[in-house]
N, C-alpha and C. Protein backbone atom coordinates (compact mmCIF):
# COMPACT_ATOMS: atom_id res chain seq x y z
N THR A 1 6.94 -15.41 -12.66
CA THR A 1 5.86 -14.67 -13.28
C THR A 1 6.32 -13.25 -13.57
N ASN A 2 6.10 -12.80 -14.77
CA ASN A 2 6.38 -11.40 -15.10
C ASN A 2 5.28 -10.52 -14.53
N HIS A 3 5.63 -9.33 -14.19
CA HIS A 3 4.62 -8.32 -13.87
C HIS A 3 4.90 -7.15 -14.78
N ALA A 4 3.86 -6.41 -15.07
CA ALA A 4 4.01 -5.38 -16.08
C ALA A 4 3.61 -4.02 -15.56
N VAL A 5 4.24 -3.04 -16.10
CA VAL A 5 3.85 -1.65 -15.91
C VAL A 5 3.50 -1.14 -17.29
N TYR A 6 2.37 -0.44 -17.40
CA TYR A 6 1.92 0.04 -18.69
C TYR A 6 2.09 1.55 -18.78
N THR A 7 2.50 2.01 -19.92
CA THR A 7 2.66 3.44 -20.14
C THR A 7 1.68 3.89 -21.22
N ALA A 8 1.17 5.09 -21.05
CA ALA A 8 0.23 5.64 -22.02
C ALA A 8 1.00 6.31 -23.14
N GLU A 9 0.78 5.84 -24.33
CA GLU A 9 1.39 6.43 -25.52
C GLU A 9 0.29 6.58 -26.56
N GLN A 10 0.46 7.48 -27.46
CA GLN A 10 -0.53 7.66 -28.50
C GLN A 10 -0.44 6.52 -29.49
N PRO A 11 -1.49 5.84 -29.84
CA PRO A 11 -2.87 6.07 -29.46
C PRO A 11 -3.33 5.23 -28.28
N GLY A 12 -2.46 4.39 -27.66
CA GLY A 12 -2.94 3.53 -26.57
C GLY A 12 -1.85 3.25 -25.54
N TRP A 13 -1.97 2.11 -24.88
CA TRP A 13 -1.04 1.72 -23.83
C TRP A 13 0.02 0.77 -24.37
N SER A 14 1.25 0.88 -23.85
CA SER A 14 2.28 -0.10 -24.17
C SER A 14 2.80 -0.66 -22.86
N ASP A 15 3.30 -1.89 -22.90
CA ASP A 15 3.78 -2.50 -21.66
C ASP A 15 5.29 -2.41 -21.53
N GLN A 16 5.73 -2.21 -20.30
CA GLN A 16 7.14 -2.15 -19.95
C GLN A 16 7.34 -3.19 -18.85
N TYR A 17 8.05 -4.27 -19.15
CA TYR A 17 8.20 -5.34 -18.16
C TYR A 17 9.32 -5.02 -17.19
N GLN A 18 9.06 -5.33 -15.92
CA GLN A 18 10.06 -5.18 -14.89
C GLN A 18 10.74 -6.52 -14.66
N GLU A 19 11.53 -6.60 -13.59
CA GLU A 19 12.24 -7.83 -13.28
C GLU A 19 11.27 -8.97 -13.04
N GLN A 20 11.70 -10.19 -13.30
CA GLN A 20 10.84 -11.34 -13.13
C GLN A 20 10.71 -11.68 -11.66
N GLY A 21 9.57 -12.26 -11.30
CA GLY A 21 9.33 -12.69 -9.94
C GLY A 21 7.96 -12.25 -9.48
N PRO A 22 7.47 -12.87 -8.42
CA PRO A 22 6.16 -12.50 -7.90
C PRO A 22 6.23 -11.17 -7.17
N VAL A 23 5.75 -10.13 -7.79
CA VAL A 23 5.84 -8.79 -7.22
C VAL A 23 4.46 -8.15 -7.26
N ALA A 24 4.09 -7.51 -6.16
CA ALA A 24 2.85 -6.74 -6.09
C ALA A 24 3.24 -5.27 -6.04
N LEU A 25 2.78 -4.50 -7.01
CA LEU A 25 3.06 -3.06 -7.03
C LEU A 25 1.87 -2.31 -6.45
N VAL A 26 2.14 -1.39 -5.51
CA VAL A 26 1.06 -0.65 -4.86
C VAL A 26 1.18 0.85 -5.04
N GLY A 27 2.31 1.34 -5.56
CA GLY A 27 2.47 2.77 -5.73
C GLY A 27 3.39 3.11 -6.88
N VAL A 28 3.15 4.27 -7.47
CA VAL A 28 4.00 4.73 -8.57
C VAL A 28 4.06 6.25 -8.51
N VAL A 29 5.22 6.79 -8.84
CA VAL A 29 5.37 8.23 -9.00
C VAL A 29 6.25 8.46 -10.23
N ALA A 30 5.80 9.35 -11.10
CA ALA A 30 6.54 9.65 -12.33
C ALA A 30 6.93 11.12 -12.32
N LEU A 31 8.22 11.38 -12.35
CA LEU A 31 8.72 12.75 -12.43
C LEU A 31 8.93 13.16 -13.88
N SER A 32 9.15 12.17 -14.74
CA SER A 32 9.27 12.38 -16.18
C SER A 32 9.17 11.00 -16.83
N ASN A 33 9.23 10.95 -18.15
CA ASN A 33 9.18 9.64 -18.80
C ASN A 33 10.49 8.87 -18.67
N THR A 34 11.50 9.48 -18.08
CA THR A 34 12.77 8.79 -17.81
C THR A 34 13.10 8.77 -16.32
N ASN A 35 12.12 9.02 -15.47
CA ASN A 35 12.33 8.99 -14.03
C ASN A 35 11.03 8.58 -13.35
N VAL A 36 10.83 7.24 -13.26
CA VAL A 36 9.62 6.66 -12.70
C VAL A 36 10.02 5.68 -11.60
N TRP A 37 9.34 5.76 -10.46
CA TRP A 37 9.57 4.84 -9.34
C TRP A 37 8.30 4.04 -9.08
N THR A 38 8.45 2.74 -8.81
CA THR A 38 7.34 1.91 -8.36
C THR A 38 7.73 1.29 -7.02
N ILE A 39 6.72 1.04 -6.19
CA ILE A 39 6.97 0.36 -4.92
C ILE A 39 5.94 -0.72 -4.71
N GLY A 40 6.25 -1.61 -3.80
CA GLY A 40 5.40 -2.73 -3.42
C GLY A 40 6.27 -3.73 -2.73
N SER A 41 6.26 -4.96 -3.24
CA SER A 41 7.16 -5.95 -2.67
C SER A 41 8.59 -5.75 -3.17
N SER A 42 8.77 -4.77 -4.05
CA SER A 42 10.11 -4.33 -4.46
C SER A 42 10.03 -2.83 -4.76
N THR A 43 11.17 -2.19 -4.83
CA THR A 43 11.25 -0.78 -5.22
C THR A 43 12.09 -0.72 -6.48
N GLU A 44 11.51 -0.17 -7.55
CA GLU A 44 12.20 -0.18 -8.84
C GLU A 44 12.13 1.20 -9.49
N HIS A 45 13.17 1.48 -10.29
CA HIS A 45 13.29 2.77 -10.96
C HIS A 45 13.40 2.55 -12.47
N TRP A 46 12.62 3.33 -13.24
CA TRP A 46 12.66 3.30 -14.70
C TRP A 46 13.41 4.53 -15.18
N ASN A 47 14.49 4.32 -15.95
CA ASN A 47 15.30 5.45 -16.45
C ASN A 47 15.02 5.77 -17.91
N GLY A 48 13.95 5.21 -18.45
CA GLY A 48 13.60 5.43 -19.85
C GLY A 48 13.95 4.27 -20.74
N SER A 49 14.84 3.39 -20.28
CA SER A 49 15.20 2.23 -21.09
C SER A 49 15.23 0.92 -20.30
N LYS A 50 15.40 0.98 -18.96
CA LYS A 50 15.41 -0.26 -18.18
C LYS A 50 15.00 0.02 -16.73
N TRP A 51 14.56 -1.07 -16.07
CA TRP A 51 14.20 -1.03 -14.65
C TRP A 51 15.40 -1.43 -13.81
N THR A 52 15.61 -0.75 -12.69
CA THR A 52 16.66 -1.09 -11.73
C THR A 52 16.01 -1.27 -10.37
N VAL A 53 16.36 -2.37 -9.68
CA VAL A 53 15.82 -2.64 -8.36
C VAL A 53 16.67 -1.90 -7.32
N TYR A 54 16.01 -1.22 -6.39
CA TYR A 54 16.67 -0.55 -5.27
C TYR A 54 16.18 -1.18 -3.98
N HIS A 55 16.95 -1.01 -2.95
CA HIS A 55 16.61 -1.59 -1.65
C HIS A 55 16.56 -0.52 -0.58
N PRO A 56 15.36 0.06 -0.36
CA PRO A 56 15.25 1.02 0.74
C PRO A 56 15.64 0.38 2.06
N VAL A 57 16.05 1.18 3.00
CA VAL A 57 16.50 0.70 4.30
C VAL A 57 15.35 0.02 5.03
N ARG A 58 15.61 -1.15 5.57
CA ARG A 58 14.64 -1.95 6.34
C ARG A 58 13.41 -2.31 5.53
N ALA A 59 13.45 -2.25 4.25
CA ALA A 59 12.31 -2.68 3.43
C ALA A 59 12.58 -4.13 3.03
N ASP A 60 12.05 -5.05 3.79
CA ASP A 60 12.27 -6.47 3.54
C ASP A 60 10.97 -7.22 3.74
N LYS A 61 11.05 -8.54 3.91
CA LYS A 61 9.83 -9.33 4.04
C LYS A 61 9.05 -9.01 5.31
N PHE A 62 9.66 -8.29 6.24
CA PHE A 62 8.96 -7.91 7.47
C PHE A 62 8.43 -6.47 7.41
N GLN A 63 8.60 -5.83 6.28
CA GLN A 63 8.14 -4.45 6.09
C GLN A 63 7.23 -4.40 4.86
N HIS A 64 6.20 -3.60 4.94
CA HIS A 64 5.34 -3.36 3.78
C HIS A 64 5.51 -1.92 3.33
N LEU A 65 5.81 -1.73 2.06
CA LEU A 65 5.86 -0.39 1.47
C LEU A 65 4.48 -0.12 0.89
N ARG A 66 3.88 1.02 1.24
CA ARG A 66 2.50 1.27 0.85
C ARG A 66 2.29 2.47 -0.05
N ALA A 67 3.12 3.50 0.06
CA ALA A 67 2.87 4.71 -0.73
C ALA A 67 4.18 5.43 -1.03
N ILE A 68 4.19 6.18 -2.12
CA ILE A 68 5.38 6.92 -2.54
C ILE A 68 4.94 8.31 -3.02
N ALA A 69 5.76 9.30 -2.71
CA ALA A 69 5.50 10.68 -3.16
C ALA A 69 6.83 11.33 -3.50
N ALA A 70 6.80 12.24 -4.47
CA ALA A 70 8.01 12.94 -4.88
C ALA A 70 7.79 14.44 -4.81
N VAL A 71 8.75 15.12 -4.20
CA VAL A 71 8.78 16.58 -4.22
C VAL A 71 9.63 17.02 -5.40
N SER A 72 10.73 16.27 -5.65
CA SER A 72 11.65 16.52 -6.76
C SER A 72 12.41 15.22 -7.03
N PRO A 73 13.25 15.17 -8.06
CA PRO A 73 14.04 13.95 -8.30
C PRO A 73 15.00 13.62 -7.16
N HIS A 74 15.29 14.59 -6.32
CA HIS A 74 16.22 14.39 -5.20
C HIS A 74 15.51 14.43 -3.86
N ASP A 75 14.19 14.28 -3.87
CA ASP A 75 13.40 14.36 -2.64
C ASP A 75 12.16 13.49 -2.80
N ILE A 76 12.35 12.16 -2.58
CA ILE A 76 11.30 11.17 -2.77
C ILE A 76 11.10 10.43 -1.45
N TRP A 77 9.85 10.16 -1.12
CA TRP A 77 9.50 9.54 0.16
C TRP A 77 8.68 8.28 -0.06
N ILE A 78 8.98 7.24 0.75
CA ILE A 78 8.21 6.00 0.78
C ILE A 78 7.77 5.78 2.22
N VAL A 79 6.51 5.37 2.40
CA VAL A 79 6.02 5.03 3.73
C VAL A 79 5.39 3.65 3.72
N GLY A 80 5.26 3.09 4.92
CA GLY A 80 4.65 1.78 5.11
C GLY A 80 4.72 1.42 6.57
N GLY A 81 5.01 0.15 6.85
CA GLY A 81 5.11 -0.28 8.23
C GLY A 81 5.55 -1.70 8.36
N GLU A 82 5.79 -2.10 9.61
CA GLU A 82 6.17 -3.47 9.89
C GLU A 82 4.97 -4.38 9.73
N VAL A 83 5.23 -5.63 9.36
CA VAL A 83 4.17 -6.60 9.15
C VAL A 83 3.33 -6.75 10.42
N ASN A 84 3.97 -6.73 11.59
CA ASN A 84 3.23 -6.88 12.84
C ASN A 84 2.55 -5.59 13.27
N GLY A 85 2.70 -4.51 12.53
CA GLY A 85 2.03 -3.26 12.80
C GLY A 85 2.52 -2.51 14.01
N GLU A 86 3.79 -2.70 14.39
CA GLU A 86 4.29 -2.05 15.59
C GLU A 86 5.02 -0.74 15.35
N GLN A 87 5.45 -0.50 14.12
CA GLN A 87 6.20 0.73 13.86
C GLN A 87 6.06 1.15 12.41
N PRO A 88 5.83 2.45 12.17
CA PRO A 88 5.78 2.91 10.78
C PRO A 88 7.17 2.89 10.16
N LEU A 89 7.20 2.85 8.85
CA LEU A 89 8.44 2.86 8.09
C LEU A 89 8.44 4.09 7.18
N ILE A 90 9.53 4.87 7.24
CA ILE A 90 9.68 6.04 6.37
C ILE A 90 11.07 5.99 5.76
N ASN A 91 11.15 6.03 4.43
CA ASN A 91 12.41 6.07 3.71
C ASN A 91 12.46 7.32 2.83
N HIS A 92 13.66 7.86 2.67
CA HIS A 92 13.85 9.07 1.86
C HIS A 92 14.96 8.85 0.84
N TRP A 93 14.70 9.28 -0.40
CA TRP A 93 15.67 9.23 -1.49
C TRP A 93 16.22 10.63 -1.69
N ASN A 94 17.56 10.78 -1.64
CA ASN A 94 18.18 12.11 -1.79
C ASN A 94 18.80 12.30 -3.17
N GLY A 95 18.48 11.40 -4.10
CA GLY A 95 19.04 11.47 -5.44
C GLY A 95 20.18 10.49 -5.65
N ARG A 96 20.72 9.97 -4.56
CA ARG A 96 21.82 9.00 -4.64
C ARG A 96 21.53 7.70 -3.90
N ARG A 97 20.85 7.83 -2.73
CA ARG A 97 20.60 6.62 -1.94
C ARG A 97 19.35 6.80 -1.08
N TRP A 98 18.83 5.66 -0.62
CA TRP A 98 17.71 5.64 0.31
C TRP A 98 18.24 5.67 1.74
N SER A 99 17.55 6.39 2.62
CA SER A 99 17.91 6.39 4.04
C SER A 99 16.65 6.28 4.88
N LEU A 100 16.79 5.66 6.04
CA LEU A 100 15.69 5.52 6.98
C LEU A 100 15.50 6.83 7.73
N VAL A 101 14.26 7.26 7.87
CA VAL A 101 13.94 8.50 8.59
C VAL A 101 13.11 8.13 9.81
N THR A 102 13.45 8.69 10.94
CA THR A 102 12.77 8.39 12.19
C THR A 102 11.36 8.98 12.21
N PRO A 103 10.36 8.15 12.50
CA PRO A 103 9.00 8.68 12.63
C PRO A 103 8.87 9.42 13.97
N PRO A 104 7.82 10.19 14.14
CA PRO A 104 7.61 10.88 15.42
C PRO A 104 7.48 9.86 16.57
N GLU A 105 7.87 10.27 17.76
CA GLU A 105 7.65 9.45 18.95
C GLU A 105 6.15 9.33 19.17
N GLY A 106 5.73 8.21 19.71
CA GLY A 106 4.33 8.08 20.03
C GLY A 106 3.68 6.85 19.46
N PRO A 107 2.40 6.68 19.72
CA PRO A 107 1.69 5.46 19.35
C PRO A 107 1.20 5.45 17.90
N SER A 108 2.06 5.10 16.99
CA SER A 108 1.63 4.91 15.61
C SER A 108 2.06 3.53 15.18
N ASP A 109 1.29 2.93 14.27
CA ASP A 109 1.68 1.58 13.90
C ASP A 109 1.82 1.36 12.41
N TYR A 110 1.29 2.24 11.57
CA TYR A 110 1.37 1.98 10.14
C TYR A 110 1.08 3.26 9.37
N LEU A 111 1.79 3.48 8.29
CA LEU A 111 1.51 4.60 7.38
C LEU A 111 1.05 4.00 6.05
N TYR A 112 -0.13 4.44 5.59
CA TYR A 112 -0.69 3.94 4.35
C TYR A 112 -0.56 4.91 3.18
N THR A 113 -0.32 6.18 3.48
CA THR A 113 -0.35 7.18 2.42
C THR A 113 0.67 8.28 2.67
N VAL A 114 1.20 8.85 1.60
CA VAL A 114 2.08 10.01 1.66
C VAL A 114 1.84 10.81 0.39
N ALA A 115 1.86 12.14 0.51
CA ALA A 115 1.63 12.99 -0.67
C ALA A 115 2.26 14.35 -0.45
N ALA A 116 2.60 15.00 -1.55
CA ALA A 116 3.20 16.34 -1.52
C ALA A 116 2.31 17.31 -2.27
N SER A 117 2.22 18.53 -1.76
CA SER A 117 1.49 19.59 -2.46
C SER A 117 2.34 20.09 -3.62
N PRO A 118 1.77 20.88 -4.52
CA PRO A 118 2.56 21.43 -5.62
C PRO A 118 3.77 22.25 -5.14
N SER A 119 3.66 22.85 -3.94
CA SER A 119 4.78 23.64 -3.41
C SER A 119 5.75 22.81 -2.59
N GLY A 120 5.48 21.49 -2.46
CA GLY A 120 6.40 20.62 -1.76
C GLY A 120 6.05 20.36 -0.30
N ASP A 121 4.88 20.79 0.14
CA ASP A 121 4.44 20.52 1.51
C ASP A 121 4.08 19.04 1.60
N LEU A 122 4.66 18.31 2.56
CA LEU A 122 4.57 16.86 2.61
C LEU A 122 3.78 16.38 3.83
N TRP A 123 2.82 15.46 3.58
CA TRP A 123 1.99 14.88 4.63
C TRP A 123 1.94 13.37 4.45
N ALA A 124 1.77 12.65 5.57
CA ALA A 124 1.58 11.20 5.53
C ALA A 124 0.52 10.84 6.55
N GLY A 125 -0.10 9.66 6.37
CA GLY A 125 -1.13 9.24 7.29
C GLY A 125 -1.29 7.74 7.34
N GLY A 126 -1.96 7.29 8.38
CA GLY A 126 -2.20 5.87 8.58
C GLY A 126 -3.08 5.64 9.78
N GLY A 127 -2.64 4.72 10.67
CA GLY A 127 -3.41 4.40 11.84
C GLY A 127 -2.54 4.34 13.08
N MET A 128 -3.18 4.56 14.22
CA MET A 128 -2.50 4.39 15.51
C MET A 128 -3.47 3.76 16.48
N PRO A 129 -2.95 2.98 17.45
CA PRO A 129 -3.83 2.30 18.41
C PRO A 129 -4.64 3.32 19.21
N TYR A 130 -5.90 2.95 19.49
CA TYR A 130 -6.76 3.84 20.27
C TYR A 130 -7.33 3.09 21.47
N SER A 131 -8.27 2.20 21.24
CA SER A 131 -8.83 1.41 22.34
C SER A 131 -9.34 0.09 21.79
N ASP A 132 -9.34 -0.92 22.65
CA ASP A 132 -9.85 -2.24 22.28
C ASP A 132 -9.23 -2.78 21.00
N GLY A 133 -7.97 -2.44 20.75
CA GLY A 133 -7.28 -2.93 19.57
C GLY A 133 -7.66 -2.25 18.28
N GLU A 134 -8.52 -1.25 18.34
CA GLU A 134 -8.92 -0.51 17.15
C GLU A 134 -7.93 0.61 16.88
N ASP A 135 -7.82 0.98 15.61
CA ASP A 135 -6.96 2.09 15.22
C ASP A 135 -7.79 3.33 14.94
N ILE A 136 -7.15 4.49 15.07
CA ILE A 136 -7.76 5.75 14.65
C ILE A 136 -6.83 6.41 13.65
N ALA A 137 -7.33 7.43 12.99
CA ALA A 137 -6.54 8.16 12.00
C ALA A 137 -5.29 8.75 12.65
N TYR A 138 -4.21 8.73 11.91
CA TYR A 138 -2.92 9.23 12.37
C TYR A 138 -2.32 10.05 11.23
N THR A 139 -1.94 11.31 11.48
CA THR A 139 -1.35 12.14 10.44
C THR A 139 -0.05 12.75 10.93
N ILE A 140 0.92 12.85 10.01
CA ILE A 140 2.19 13.49 10.29
C ILE A 140 2.53 14.46 9.16
N HIS A 141 3.32 15.47 9.51
CA HIS A 141 3.69 16.52 8.56
C HIS A 141 5.20 16.70 8.60
N TRP A 142 5.83 16.84 7.43
CA TRP A 142 7.27 17.08 7.34
C TRP A 142 7.49 18.58 7.48
N ASN A 143 8.25 18.99 8.51
CA ASN A 143 8.46 20.42 8.74
C ASN A 143 9.75 20.94 8.10
N GLY A 144 10.38 20.13 7.29
CA GLY A 144 11.62 20.52 6.61
C GLY A 144 12.84 19.85 7.20
N SER A 145 12.73 19.39 8.46
CA SER A 145 13.85 18.70 9.08
C SER A 145 13.44 17.42 9.81
N ARG A 146 12.15 17.30 10.15
CA ARG A 146 11.68 16.08 10.81
C ARG A 146 10.17 15.95 10.64
N TRP A 147 9.67 14.72 10.86
CA TRP A 147 8.24 14.46 10.83
C TRP A 147 7.65 14.81 12.18
N VAL A 148 6.49 15.49 12.17
CA VAL A 148 5.82 15.92 13.38
C VAL A 148 4.39 15.41 13.34
N GLU A 149 3.94 14.81 14.46
CA GLU A 149 2.56 14.34 14.52
C GLU A 149 1.60 15.52 14.59
N VAL A 150 0.51 15.42 13.83
CA VAL A 150 -0.54 16.43 13.84
C VAL A 150 -1.76 15.76 14.46
N ALA A 151 -2.30 16.36 15.52
CA ALA A 151 -3.41 15.74 16.26
C ALA A 151 -4.51 15.30 15.31
N PRO A 152 -4.94 14.03 15.46
CA PRO A 152 -6.02 13.54 14.58
C PRO A 152 -7.35 14.14 15.00
N PRO A 153 -8.35 14.01 14.12
CA PRO A 153 -9.70 14.43 14.50
C PRO A 153 -10.19 13.60 15.70
N ASN A 154 -11.27 14.00 16.28
CA ASN A 154 -11.87 13.31 17.41
C ASN A 154 -12.00 11.82 17.11
N PRO A 155 -11.35 10.94 17.92
CA PRO A 155 -11.39 9.50 17.62
C PRO A 155 -12.78 8.89 17.76
N ASP A 156 -13.66 9.52 18.49
CA ASP A 156 -15.02 9.00 18.59
C ASP A 156 -15.81 9.26 17.31
N VAL A 157 -15.39 10.24 16.54
CA VAL A 157 -16.04 10.56 15.27
C VAL A 157 -15.33 9.86 14.11
N TYR A 158 -14.01 9.74 14.20
CA TYR A 158 -13.19 9.16 13.13
C TYR A 158 -12.45 7.93 13.66
N PRO A 159 -13.14 6.77 13.75
CA PRO A 159 -12.53 5.62 14.40
C PRO A 159 -11.65 4.74 13.51
N ASP A 160 -11.39 5.12 12.30
CA ASP A 160 -10.65 4.23 11.40
C ASP A 160 -9.39 4.88 10.83
N GLU A 161 -8.59 4.04 10.19
CA GLU A 161 -7.31 4.48 9.63
C GLU A 161 -7.49 5.39 8.42
N LEU A 162 -6.43 6.13 8.16
CA LEU A 162 -6.38 7.06 7.04
C LEU A 162 -5.69 6.36 5.86
N TYR A 163 -6.34 6.36 4.68
CA TYR A 163 -5.79 5.69 3.51
C TYR A 163 -5.41 6.62 2.38
N GLY A 164 -5.85 7.86 2.41
CA GLY A 164 -5.50 8.80 1.35
C GLY A 164 -5.36 10.20 1.91
N ILE A 165 -4.39 10.93 1.40
CA ILE A 165 -4.18 12.31 1.85
C ILE A 165 -3.78 13.15 0.64
N ALA A 166 -4.30 14.37 0.58
CA ALA A 166 -4.03 15.25 -0.56
C ALA A 166 -3.76 16.66 -0.07
N PRO A 167 -2.48 17.02 0.10
CA PRO A 167 -2.16 18.39 0.50
C PRO A 167 -2.23 19.33 -0.70
N ILE A 168 -3.02 20.38 -0.55
CA ILE A 168 -3.10 21.40 -1.58
C ILE A 168 -2.12 22.52 -1.25
N SER A 169 -2.03 22.82 0.04
CA SER A 169 -1.06 23.78 0.57
C SER A 169 -0.84 23.43 2.04
N LYS A 170 0.00 24.19 2.72
CA LYS A 170 0.27 23.94 4.12
C LYS A 170 -0.98 24.08 4.99
N HIS A 171 -1.94 24.87 4.53
CA HIS A 171 -3.14 25.13 5.30
C HIS A 171 -4.39 24.55 4.66
N ASP A 172 -4.23 23.62 3.75
CA ASP A 172 -5.37 23.03 3.06
C ASP A 172 -5.02 21.60 2.67
N VAL A 173 -5.45 20.64 3.51
CA VAL A 173 -5.15 19.23 3.29
C VAL A 173 -6.44 18.44 3.43
N LEU A 174 -6.68 17.53 2.51
CA LEU A 174 -7.85 16.66 2.55
C LEU A 174 -7.39 15.25 2.86
N ALA A 175 -8.22 14.50 3.62
CA ALA A 175 -7.87 13.14 3.99
C ALA A 175 -9.10 12.25 3.96
N VAL A 176 -8.90 10.99 3.57
CA VAL A 176 -9.99 10.01 3.55
C VAL A 176 -9.48 8.70 4.13
N GLY A 177 -10.44 7.87 4.59
CA GLY A 177 -10.05 6.59 5.16
C GLY A 177 -11.20 5.62 5.24
N ARG A 178 -10.91 4.49 5.86
CA ARG A 178 -11.88 3.41 6.01
C ARG A 178 -13.09 3.90 6.82
N GLY A 179 -14.22 3.34 6.54
CA GLY A 179 -15.44 3.68 7.27
C GLY A 179 -16.05 5.00 6.86
N GLY A 180 -15.68 5.50 5.67
CA GLY A 180 -16.25 6.75 5.20
C GLY A 180 -15.59 7.99 5.78
N TYR A 181 -14.43 7.78 6.39
CA TYR A 181 -13.68 8.89 6.99
C TYR A 181 -13.35 9.94 5.93
N ALA A 182 -13.64 11.20 6.22
CA ALA A 182 -13.25 12.31 5.35
C ALA A 182 -13.06 13.54 6.23
N ALA A 183 -11.91 14.21 6.10
CA ALA A 183 -11.62 15.37 6.94
C ALA A 183 -10.79 16.37 6.17
N LYS A 184 -10.75 17.60 6.70
CA LYS A 184 -9.99 18.68 6.08
C LYS A 184 -9.16 19.38 7.15
N TRP A 185 -7.88 19.63 6.84
CA TRP A 185 -6.96 20.36 7.72
C TRP A 185 -6.95 21.82 7.26
N ASP A 186 -7.13 22.75 8.19
CA ASP A 186 -7.17 24.17 7.83
C ASP A 186 -5.92 24.93 8.28
N GLY A 187 -4.90 24.21 8.68
CA GLY A 187 -3.68 24.83 9.19
C GLY A 187 -3.60 24.81 10.70
N LYS A 188 -4.75 24.53 11.35
CA LYS A 188 -4.80 24.49 12.81
C LYS A 188 -5.44 23.21 13.35
N LYS A 189 -6.47 22.72 12.64
CA LYS A 189 -7.17 21.54 13.13
C LYS A 189 -7.86 20.80 11.98
N TRP A 190 -8.18 19.53 12.25
CA TRP A 190 -8.96 18.71 11.34
C TRP A 190 -10.44 18.90 11.63
N THR A 191 -11.25 18.96 10.59
CA THR A 191 -12.71 18.99 10.75
C THR A 191 -13.34 18.05 9.74
N ALA A 192 -14.55 17.60 10.06
CA ALA A 192 -15.28 16.69 9.18
C ALA A 192 -15.65 17.41 7.90
N THR A 193 -15.68 16.64 6.81
CA THR A 193 -16.18 17.18 5.54
C THR A 193 -17.43 16.42 5.16
N ASP A 194 -18.35 17.08 4.49
CA ASP A 194 -19.60 16.44 4.08
C ASP A 194 -19.52 15.99 2.65
């Protein structure tokens, strides 16, 4: 089965076919019309004329890739997790190759989202075990050399995973998740948003 990626051109959309096979695409980042990455059950790059399949480290049938963010063409991040939900997956593109990046120590099981602010401030989020097999929101921040866990909001108020994150700056981050979860980071702590 072919799967398609569509590009917006004047006056409408045109299709750009990727490699054949059953593929589910869940994320896309475009740095230009000749530098586009898609992720899902495969990771592919569009150079303006053709798609090339890449293989991030440990991204296989036991790993799910869920989100992609780009700071620059030489600084691209993919997050996800193991199928059994025991460990998050973080991959980094340096312009030449993908490498596995160690997540923070501690109880996290899956990353669903990653995003960069206009200035390159990078955040990711997902879920971590809390009690009775339930997950709570889990957030991490890239400090320039490693990922650091940022304390989640009160788990009694925010009992579900984080599915979207939008950093505006280092001191202004918005997050949303399952169960109507919505919070804002002010540089020191998460608080509920109305």
